PDB file of N, CA and C in Angstrom:
ATOM      1  N   MET A   1     102.277  70.125  60.961  1.00  0.00           N
ATOM      2  CA  MET A   1     102.567  69.897  62.465  1.00  0.00           C
ATOM      3  C   MET A   1     101.682  70.707  63.326  1.00  0.00           C
ATOM      4  N   SER A   2     101.601  69.694  64.243  1.00  0.00           N
ATOM      5  CA  SER A   2     100.404  69.630  65.284  1.00  0.00           C
ATOM      6  C   SER A   2     100.974  70.118  66.552  1.00  0.00           C
ATOM      7  N   PRO A   3     100.346  71.542  67.132  1.00  0.00           N
ATOM      8  CA  PRO A   3     100.953  71.998  68.415  1.00  0.00           C
ATOM      9  C   PRO A   3     100.243  71.291  69.647  1.00  0.00           C
ATOM     10  N   GLU A   4      99.391  70.402  69.343  1.00  0.00           N
ATOM     11  CA  GLU A   4      98.465  69.550  70.334  1.00  0.00           C
ATOM     12  C   GLU A   4      99.906  68.361  70.424  1.00  0.00           C
ATOM     13  N   LYS A   5     100.457  67.754  69.363  1.00  0.00           N
ATOM     14  CA  LYS A   5     101.552  67.321  69.574  1.00  0.00           C
ATOM     15  C   LYS A   5     102.577  67.762  70.860  1.00  0.00           C
ATOM     16  N   TYR A   6     102.571  68.617  70.677  1.00  0.00           N
ATOM     17  CA  TYR A   6     104.061  69.194  71.620  1.00  0.00           C
ATOM     18  C   TYR A   6     103.745  69.733  73.878  1.00  0.00           C
ATOM     19  N   ASN A   7     101.859  69.263  73.601  1.00  0.00           N
ATOM     20  CA  ASN A   7     101.236  69.372  74.881  1.00  0.00           C
ATOM     21  C   ASN A   7     102.102  68.680  75.750  1.00  0.00           C
ATOM     22  N   ARG A   8     102.557  68.844  76.821  1.00  0.00           N
ATOM     23  CA  ARG A   8     103.017  67.536  78.409  1.00  0.00           C
ATOM     24  C   ARG A   8     101.954  68.169  79.535  1.00  0.00           C
ATOM     25  N   SER A   9     102.234  66.483  80.096  1.00  0.00           N
ATOM     26  CA  SER A   9     101.716  66.986  82.004  1.00  0.00           C
ATOM     27  C   SER A   9     103.162  66.624  82.385  1.00  0.00           C
ATOM     28  N   ILE A  10     103.504  67.765  83.236  1.00  0.00           N
ATOM     29  CA  ILE A  10     104.832  67.248  84.276  1.00  0.00           C
ATOM     30  C   ILE A  10     104.444  67.136  85.392  1.00  0.00           C
ATOM     31  N   GLU A  11     104.142  66.446  86.372  1.00  0.00           N
ATOM     32  CA  GLU A  11     104.162  65.758  87.008  1.00  0.00           C
ATOM     33  C   GLU A  11     104.815  66.138  88.554  1.00  0.00           C
ATOM     34  N   LEU A  12     104.602  67.113  89.332  1.00  0.00           N
ATOM     35  CA  LEU A  12     105.389  67.999  90.060  1.00  0.00           C
ATOM     36  C   LEU A  12     106.210  67.095  91.579  1.00  0.00           C
ATOM     37  N   LEU A  13     106.724  66.578  91.387  1.00  0.00           N
ATOM     38  CA  LEU A  13     107.404  66.045  92.613  1.00  0.00           C
ATOM     39  C   LEU A  13     108.316  66.820  94.473  1.00  0.00           C
ATOM     40  N   CYS A  14     107.669  65.755  94.897  1.00  0.00           N
ATOM     41  CA  CYS A  14     108.021  66.605  96.446  1.00  0.00           C
ATOM     42  C   CYS A  14     109.061  67.133  96.895  1.00  0.00           C
ATOM     43  N   PRO A  15     110.033  68.155  96.957  1.00  0.00           N
ATOM     44  CA  PRO A  15     110.936  67.778  97.615  1.00  0.00           C
ATOM     45  C   PRO A  15     111.605  67.187  98.870  1.00  0.00           C
ATOM     46  N   THR A  16     111.362  66.500  99.618  1.00  0.00           N
ATOM     47  CA  THR A  16     111.542  65.989 100.382  1.00  0.00           C
ATOM     48  C   THR A  16     111.972  64.485  99.956  1.00  0.00           C
ATOM     49  N   CYS A  17     110.471  63.720 100.043  1.00  0.00           N
ATOM     50  CA  CYS A  17     110.297  62.127 100.490  1.00  0.00           C
ATOM     51  C   CYS A  17     110.046  62.169  98.149  1.00  0.00           C
ATOM     52  N   GLY A  18     110.171  63.005  97.711  1.00  0.00           N
ATOM     53  CA  GLY A  18     109.854  62.550  96.217  1.00  0.00           C
ATOM     54  C   GLY A  18     108.398  62.035  95.526  1.00  0.00           C
ATOM     55  N   THR A  19     107.455  62.181  96.076  1.00  0.00           N
ATOM     56  CA  THR A  19     106.086  61.356  95.317  1.00  0.00           C
ATOM     57  C   THR A  19     105.250  62.616  94.629  1.00  0.00           C
ATOM     58  N   SER A  20     104.511  61.942  94.103  1.00  0.00           N
ATOM     59  CA  SER A  20     103.391  63.141  93.272  1.00  0.00           C
ATOM     60  C   SER A  20     102.291  63.113  94.076  1.00  0.00           C
ATOM     61  N   SER A  21     101.830  62.728  94.938  1.00  0.00           N
ATOM     62  CA  SER A  21     100.654  62.901  94.850  1.00  0.00           C
ATOM     63  C   SER A  21     100.445  64.836  96.248  1.00  0.00           C
ATOM     64  N   PHE A  22      99.979  64.991  96.058  1.00  0.00           N
ATOM     65  CA  PHE A  22      99.814  66.190  96.802  1.00  0.00           C
ATOM     66  C   PHE A  22      98.118  66.299  96.863  1.00  0.00           C
ATOM     67  N   SER A  23      97.779  67.280  97.903  1.00  0.00           N
ATOM     68  CA  SER A  23      96.329  68.106  98.026  1.00  0.00           C
ATOM     69  C   SER A  23      96.429  69.533  98.452  1.00  0.00           C
ATOM     70  N   GLN A  24      95.381  69.807  97.997  1.00  0.00           N
ATOM     71  CA  GLN A  24      95.100  71.941  98.476  1.00  0.00           C
ATOM     72  C   GLN A  24      94.514  71.700 100.085  1.00  0.00           C
ATOM     73  N   SER A  25      95.631  72.275 100.762  1.00  0.00           N
ATOM     74  CA  SER A  25      94.662  73.164 102.057  1.00  0.00           C
ATOM     75  C   SER A  25      93.585  73.425 101.739  1.00  0.00           C
ATOM     76  N   THR A  26      92.080  73.259 102.428  1.00  0.00           N
ATOM     77  CA  THR A  26      91.245  73.961 102.686  1.00  0.00           C
ATOM     78  C   THR A  26      90.698  74.404 103.572  1.00  0.00           C
ATOM     79  N   GLY A  27      89.564  75.499 103.555  1.00  0.00           N
ATOM     80  CA  GLY A  27      89.328  76.049 104.592  1.00  0.00           C
ATOM     81  C   GLY A  27      89.400  77.105 104.221  1.00  0.00           C
ATOM     82  N   ASN A  28      91.129  78.071 104.349  1.00  0.00           N
ATOM     83  CA  ASN A  28      91.235  79.095 104.647  1.00  0.00           C
ATOM     84  C   ASN A  28      91.362  79.531 102.916  1.00  0.00           C
ATOM     85  N   PRO A  29      90.183  80.248 102.131  1.00  0.00           N
ATOM     86  CA  PRO A  29      90.670  80.334 100.604  1.00  0.00           C
ATOM     87  C   PRO A  29      92.078  81.639  99.810  1.00  0.00           C
ATOM     88  N   GLU A  30      92.576  82.118 101.223  1.00  0.00           N
ATOM     89  CA  GLU A  30      94.009  82.852 101.026  1.00  0.00           C
ATOM     90  C   GLU A  30      94.856  82.034 100.263  1.00  0.00           C
ATOM     91  N   ALA A  31      95.285  80.424 101.655  1.00  0.00           N
ATOM     92  CA  ALA A  31      95.729  79.521 101.307  1.00  0.00           C
ATOM     93  C   ALA A  31      95.882  78.402 100.361  1.00  0.00           C
ATOM     94  N   ALA A  32      95.182  79.040  99.776  1.00  0.00           N
ATOM     95  CA  ALA A  32      94.540  77.939  98.521  1.00  0.00           C
ATOM     96  C   ALA A  32      96.019  77.469  98.131  1.00  0.00           C
ATOM     97  N   GLU A  33      96.666  78.177  97.718  1.00  0.00           N
ATOM     98  CA  GLU A  33      97.702  77.954  96.710  1.00  0.00           C
ATOM     99  C   GLU A  33      98.626  77.031  97.421  1.00  0.00           C
ATOM    100  N   GLU A  34      98.560  77.260  98.912  1.00  0.00           N
ATOM    101  CA  GLU A  34      99.428  75.663 100.319  1.00  0.00           C
ATOM    102  C   GLU A  34      99.196  74.224  99.560  1.00  0.00           C
ATOM    103  N   MET A  35     100.009  73.495  99.003  1.00  0.00           N
ATOM    104  CA  MET A  35      99.720  72.121  98.260  1.00  0.00           C
ATOM    105  C   MET A  35     100.604  71.399 100.045  1.00  0.00           C
ATOM    106  N   ILE A  36     100.105  70.201  99.808  1.00  0.00           N
ATOM    107  CA  ILE A  36     100.168  69.343 101.407  1.00  0.00           C
ATOM    108  C   ILE A  36     100.306  67.794 100.570  1.00  0.00           C
ATOM    109  N   CYS A  37     101.811  67.904 100.589  1.00  0.00           N
ATOM    110  CA  CYS A  37     102.009  66.673 100.054  1.00  0.00           C
ATOM    111  C   CYS A  37     101.371  65.018 100.691  1.00  0.00           C
ATOM    112  N   ALA A  38     100.863  64.276  99.980  1.00  0.00           N
ATOM    113  CA  ALA A  38     100.246  63.323 101.060  1.00  0.00           C
ATOM    114  C   ALA A  38     100.955  62.169 101.691  1.00  0.00           C
ATOM    115  N   SER A  39     102.331  61.476 101.115  1.00  0.00           N
ATOM    116  CA  SER A  39     103.041  60.855 101.792  1.00  0.00           C
ATOM    117  C   SER A  39     103.624  61.477 103.038  1.00  0.00           C
ATOM    118  N   CYS A  40     104.433  62.619 103.158  1.00  0.00           N
ATOM    119  CA  CYS A  40     104.871  63.533 103.992  1.00  0.00           C
ATOM    120  C   CYS A  40     104.624  64.383 104.565  1.00  0.00           C
ATOM    121  N   GLY A  41     103.749  64.758 104.292  1.00  0.00           N
ATOM    122  CA  GLY A  41     103.103  65.783 105.212  1.00  0.00           C
ATOM    123  C   GLY A  41     103.409  67.104 104.977  1.00  0.00           C
ATOM    124  N   LEU A  42     104.423  67.648 104.054  1.00  0.00           N
ATOM    125  CA  LEU A  42     105.250  68.559 103.597  1.00  0.00           C
ATOM    126  C   LEU A  42     103.762  69.618 102.845  1.00  0.00           C
ATOM    127  N   GLU A  43     104.385  71.029 103.941  1.00  0.00           N
ATOM    128  CA  GLU A  43     103.441  72.088 103.327  1.00  0.00           C
ATOM    129  C   GLU A  43     103.762  73.111 102.698  1.00  0.00           C
ATOM    130  N   ILE A  44     104.009  73.206 101.577  1.00  0.00           N
ATOM    131  CA  ILE A  44     104.389  73.846 100.523  1.00  0.00           C
ATOM    132  C   ILE A  44     103.609  74.757  99.835  1.00  0.00           C
ATOM    133  N   SER A  45     104.185  75.700  99.052  1.00  0.00           N
ATOM    134  CA  SER A  45     103.773  76.651  98.370  1.00  0.00           C
ATOM    135  C   SER A  45     103.804  76.472  96.676  1.00  0.00           C
ATOM    136  N   ARG A  46     102.156  76.063  95.934  1.00  0.00           N
ATOM    137  CA  ARG A  46     102.896  76.268  94.878  1.00  0.00           C
ATOM    138  C   ARG A  46     103.734  76.410  93.884  1.00  0.00           C
ATOM    139  N   GLU A  47     104.440  77.697  93.935  1.00  0.00           N
ATOM    140  CA  GLU A  47     105.400  78.576  93.652  1.00  0.00           C
ATOM    141  C   GLU A  47     106.495  78.144  93.979  1.00  0.00           C
ATOM    142  N   ASN A  48     107.018  77.509  95.290  1.00  0.00           N
ATOM    143  CA  ASN A  48     108.406  77.080  95.936  1.00  0.00           C
ATOM    144  C   ASN A  48     108.025  75.485  95.152  1.00  0.00           C
ATOM    145  N   LEU A  49     107.119  74.790  95.204  1.00  0.00           N
ATOM    146  CA  LEU A  49     107.344  73.896  94.465  1.00  0.00           C
ATOM    147  C   LEU A  49     106.985  73.342  93.128  1.00  0.00           C
ATOM    148  N   ILE A  50     107.337  74.911  92.438  1.00  0.00           N
ATOM    149  CA  ILE A  50     107.224  75.121  90.818  1.00  0.00           C
ATOM    150  C   ILE A  50     108.655  75.159  91.190  1.00  0.00           C
ATOM    151  N   LYS A  51     109.089  76.086  91.575  1.00  0.00           N
ATOM    152  CA  LYS A  51     111.083  76.273  91.996  1.00  0.00           C
ATOM    153  C   LYS A  51     111.552  74.932  92.142  1.00  0.00           C
ATOM    154  N   ALA A  52     111.427  73.977  93.232  1.00  0.00           N
ATOM    155  CA  ALA A  52     111.953  72.729  93.382  1.00  0.00           C
ATOM    156  C   ALA A  52     111.883  71.828  92.485  1.00  0.00           C
ATOM    157  N   ASN A  53     111.322  72.042  91.644  1.00  0.00           N
ATOM    158  CA  ASN A  53     110.956  70.737  90.273  1.00  0.00           C
ATOM    159  C   ASN A  53     111.701  71.985  88.919  1.00  0.00           C
ATOM    160  N   ARG A  54     111.922  73.088  89.329  1.00  0.00           N
ATOM    161  CA  ARG A  54     113.065  73.728  88.625  1.00  0.00           C
ATOM    162  C   ARG A  54     113.559  72.220  86.597  1.00  0.00           C
ATOM    163  N   GLU A  55     114.330  71.831  87.668  1.00  0.00           N
ATOM    164  CA  GLU A  55     115.427  71.222  86.833  1.00  0.00           C
ATOM    165  C   GLU A  55     115.112  70.395  86.094  1.00  0.00           C
ATOM    166  N   ASN A  56     113.992  70.043  86.323  1.00  0.00           N
ATOM    167  CA  ASN A  56     112.618  68.176  85.763  1.00  0.00           C
ATOM    168  C   ASN A  56     112.346  69.601  84.847  1.00  0.00           C
ATOM    169  N   ILE A  57     111.530  70.574  84.898  1.00  0.00           N
ATOM    170  CA  ILE A  57     110.590  71.571  83.447  1.00  0.00           C
ATOM    171  C   ILE A  57     111.878  71.685  82.922  1.00  0.00           C
ATOM    172  N   ASP A  58     112.780  72.459  83.413  1.00  0.00           N
ATOM    173  CA  ASP A  58     113.447  72.973  82.037  1.00  0.00           C
ATOM    174  C   ASP A  58     114.045  71.422  81.063  1.00  0.00           C
ATOM    175  N   GLU A  59     113.979  70.600  81.907  1.00  0.00           N
ATOM    176  CA  GLU A  59     114.821  69.992  80.700  1.00  0.00           C
ATOM    177  C   GLU A  59     113.308  68.661  79.483  1.00  0.00           C
ATOM    178  N   HIS A  60     112.191  69.427  80.694  1.00  0.00           N
ATOM    179  CA  HIS A  60     111.399  69.116  79.600  1.00  0.00           C
ATOM    180  C   HIS A  60     111.229  69.870  77.977  1.00  0.00           C
ATOM    181  N   VAL A  61     111.017  71.482  78.639  1.00  0.00           N
ATOM    182  CA  VAL A  61     111.170  72.380  77.990  1.00  0.00           C
ATOM    183  C   VAL A  61     112.097  71.991  76.646  1.00  0.00           C
ATOM    184  N   LYS A  62     114.082  71.635  77.337  1.00  0.00           N
ATOM    185  CA  LYS A  62     114.671  71.786  76.193  1.00  0.00           C
ATOM    186  C   LYS A  62     114.178  70.226  74.885  1.00  0.00           C
ATOM    187  N   GLU A  63     113.697  69.230  76.090  1.00  0.00           N
ATOM    188  CA  GLU A  63     112.860  68.187  74.724  1.00  0.00           C
ATOM    189  C   GLU A  63     111.903  68.569  74.020  1.00  0.00           C
ATOM    190  N   ILE A  64     110.510  69.080  74.123  1.00  0.00           N
ATOM    191  CA  ILE A  64     110.222  69.667  73.508  1.00  0.00           C
ATOM    192  C   ILE A  64     110.976  70.544  72.332  1.00  0.00           C
ATOM    193  N   GLY A  65     111.944  71.573  72.722  1.00  0.00           N
ATOM    194  CA  GLY A  65     112.360  72.544  71.638  1.00  0.00           C
ATOM    195  C   GLY A  65     113.214  71.483  70.570  1.00  0.00           C
ATOM    196  N   ARG A  66     114.170  70.528  71.175  1.00  0.00           N
ATOM    197  CA  ARG A  66     114.458  69.948  70.220  1.00  0.00           C
ATOM    198  C   ARG A  66     113.651  68.961  69.270  1.00  0.00           C
ATOM    199  N   GLU A  67     112.358  68.759  69.614  1.00  0.00           N
ATOM    200  CA  GLU A  67     111.579  68.441  68.572  1.00  0.00           C
ATOM    201  C   GLU A  67     110.800  68.739  67.805  1.00  0.00           C
ATOM    202  N   VAL A  68     110.727  69.840  67.768  1.00  0.00           N
ATOM    203  CA  VAL A  68     110.073  70.620  67.087  1.00  0.00           C
ATOM    204  C   VAL A  68     111.142  71.562  66.232  1.00  0.00           C
ATOM    205  N   THR A  69     112.255  71.983  66.331  1.00  0.00           N
ATOM    206  CA  THR A  69     113.653  71.768  65.950  1.00  0.00           C
ATOM    207  C   THR A  69     113.450  70.454  64.921  1.00  0.00           C
ATOM    208  N   GLY A  70     113.337  69.467  65.531  1.00  0.00           N
ATOM    209  CA  GLY A  70     113.575  68.428  64.055  1.00  0.00           C
ATOM    210  C   GLY A  70     112.577  67.874  63.457  1.00  0.00           C
ATOM    211  N   ASP A  71     111.434  68.370  63.799  1.00  0.00           N
ATOM    212  CA  ASP A  71     109.806  68.172  63.177  1.00  0.00           C
ATOM    213  C   ASP A  71     109.677  69.868  61.680  1.00  0.00           C
ATOM    214  N   ILE A  72     110.255  70.631  62.139  1.00  0.00           N
ATOM    215  CA  ILE A  72     110.529  71.974  61.343  1.00  0.00           C
ATOM    216  C   ILE A  72     111.266  72.171  59.790  1.00  0.00           C
ATOM    217  N   LYS A  73     112.617  71.040  60.294  1.00  0.00           N
ATOM    218  CA  LYS A  73     113.338  70.900  59.613  1.00  0.00           C
ATOM    219  C   LYS A  73     112.710  70.032  58.686  1.00  0.00           C
ATOM    220  N   ARG A  74     112.065  69.128  59.038  1.00  0.00           N
ATOM    221  CA  ARG A  74     111.812  67.605  57.651  1.00  0.00           C
ATOM    222  C   ARG A  74     110.917  68.328  57.161  1.00  0.00           C
ATOM    223  N   GLU A  75     109.881  69.371  57.984  1.00  0.00           N
ATOM    224  CA  GLU A  75     108.523  69.222  57.235  1.00  0.00           C
ATOM    225  C   GLU A  75     109.429  70.811  56.039  1.00  0.00           C
ATOM    226  N   LEU A  76     110.002  71.421  56.654  1.00  0.00           N
ATOM    227  CA  LEU A  76     110.651  72.260  55.273  1.00  0.00           C
ATOM    228  C   LEU A  76     111.659  71.887  54.677  1.00  0.00           C
ATOM    229  N   ALA A  77     111.973  70.201  54.966  1.00  0.00           N
ATOM    230  CA  ALA A  77     112.954  69.532  53.552  1.00  0.00           C
ATOM    231  C   ALA A  77     111.583  68.998  53.039  1.00  0.00           C
ATOM    232  N   LYS A  78     110.601  68.908  52.960  1.00  0.00           N
ATOM    233  CA  LYS A  78     109.644  68.152  52.340  1.00  0.00           C
ATOM    234  C   LYS A  78     109.223  69.334  51.346  1.00  0.00           C
ATOM    235  N   ALA A  79     108.795  70.463  51.557  1.00  0.00           N
ATOM    236  CA  ALA A  79     108.906  71.807  50.576  1.00  0.00           C
ATOM    237  C   ALA A  79     109.790  72.228  49.394  1.00  0.00           C
ATOM    238  N   PHE A  80     110.430  72.309  50.434  1.00  0.00           N
ATOM    239  CA  PHE A  80     111.663  72.547  49.529  1.00  0.00           C
ATOM    240  C   PHE A  80     112.290  71.223  48.553  1.00  0.00           C
ATOM    241  N   ARG A  81     112.249  70.502  48.333  1.00  0.00           N
ATOM    242  CA  ARG A  81     112.810  68.622  47.941  1.00  0.00           C
ATOM    243  C   ARG A  81     112.574  68.879  46.941  1.00  0.00           C
ATOM    244  N   GLY A  82     113.355  68.296  46.432  1.00  0.00           N
ATOM    245  CA  GLY A  82     114.005  69.106  44.320  1.00  0.00           C
ATOM    246  C   GLY A  82     114.616  70.218  43.682  1.00  0.00           C
ATOM    247  N   SER A  83     114.880  71.156  44.940  1.00  0.00           N
ATOM    248  CA  SER A  83     114.992  72.429  44.205  1.00  0.00           C
ATOM    249  C   SER A  83     116.497  72.308  44.162  1.00  0.00           C
ATOM    250  N   LYS A  84     117.210  72.523  43.488  1.00  0.00           N
ATOM    251  CA  LYS A  84     118.640  72.674  43.291  1.00  0.00           C
ATOM    252  C   LYS A  84     119.299  73.953  43.739  1.00  0.00           C
ATOM    253  N   PHE A  85     118.357  75.002  44.329  1.00  0.00           N
ATOM    254  CA  PHE A  85     119.330  76.011  44.872  1.00  0.00           C
ATOM    255  C   PHE A  85     118.953  76.169  46.660  1.00  0.00           C
ATOM    256  N   ILE A  86     118.240  75.014  46.862  1.00  0.00           N
ATOM    257  CA  ILE A  86     118.517  74.582  48.777  1.00  0.00           C
ATOM    258  C   ILE A  86     118.615  73.839  49.142  1.00  0.00           C
ATOM    259  N   LYS A  87     119.484  73.458  50.165  1.00  0.00           N
ATOM    260  CA  LYS A  87     120.273  72.638  50.850  1.00  0.00           C
ATOM    261  C   LYS A  87     120.049  72.769  52.018  1.00  0.00           C
ATOM    262  N   PHE A  88     119.843  71.633  52.857  1.00  0.00           N
ATOM    263  CA  PHE A  88     119.495  71.751  54.234  1.00  0.00           C
ATOM    264  C   PHE A  88     120.354  70.799  54.236  1.00  0.00           C
ATOM    265  N   LYS A  89     121.624  70.897  55.692  1.00  0.00           N
ATOM    266  CA  LYS A  89     122.276  70.057  56.509  1.00  0.00           C
ATOM    267  C   LYS A  89     121.535  69.446  57.826  1.00  0.00           C
TER     268      LYS A  89
END
């Protein structure tokens, strides 16, 4: 079971227009966390952008959890194949 199999890249979407193209505001080093939507021009902090996409992120985490659980069950079933005393449902 390879951990690289479960790496994901999740696109964060603008809460206003739904695009995924952002640029970081430049000039002020303190404002490096400010993102600007390329489509509608919304300025939003990286933290608030992640909060706005929380539902999407949570769904990806659940999907990865289901994949890991299934893979572990298959690996354990292979490891204990032929055993009279251990059964998997």
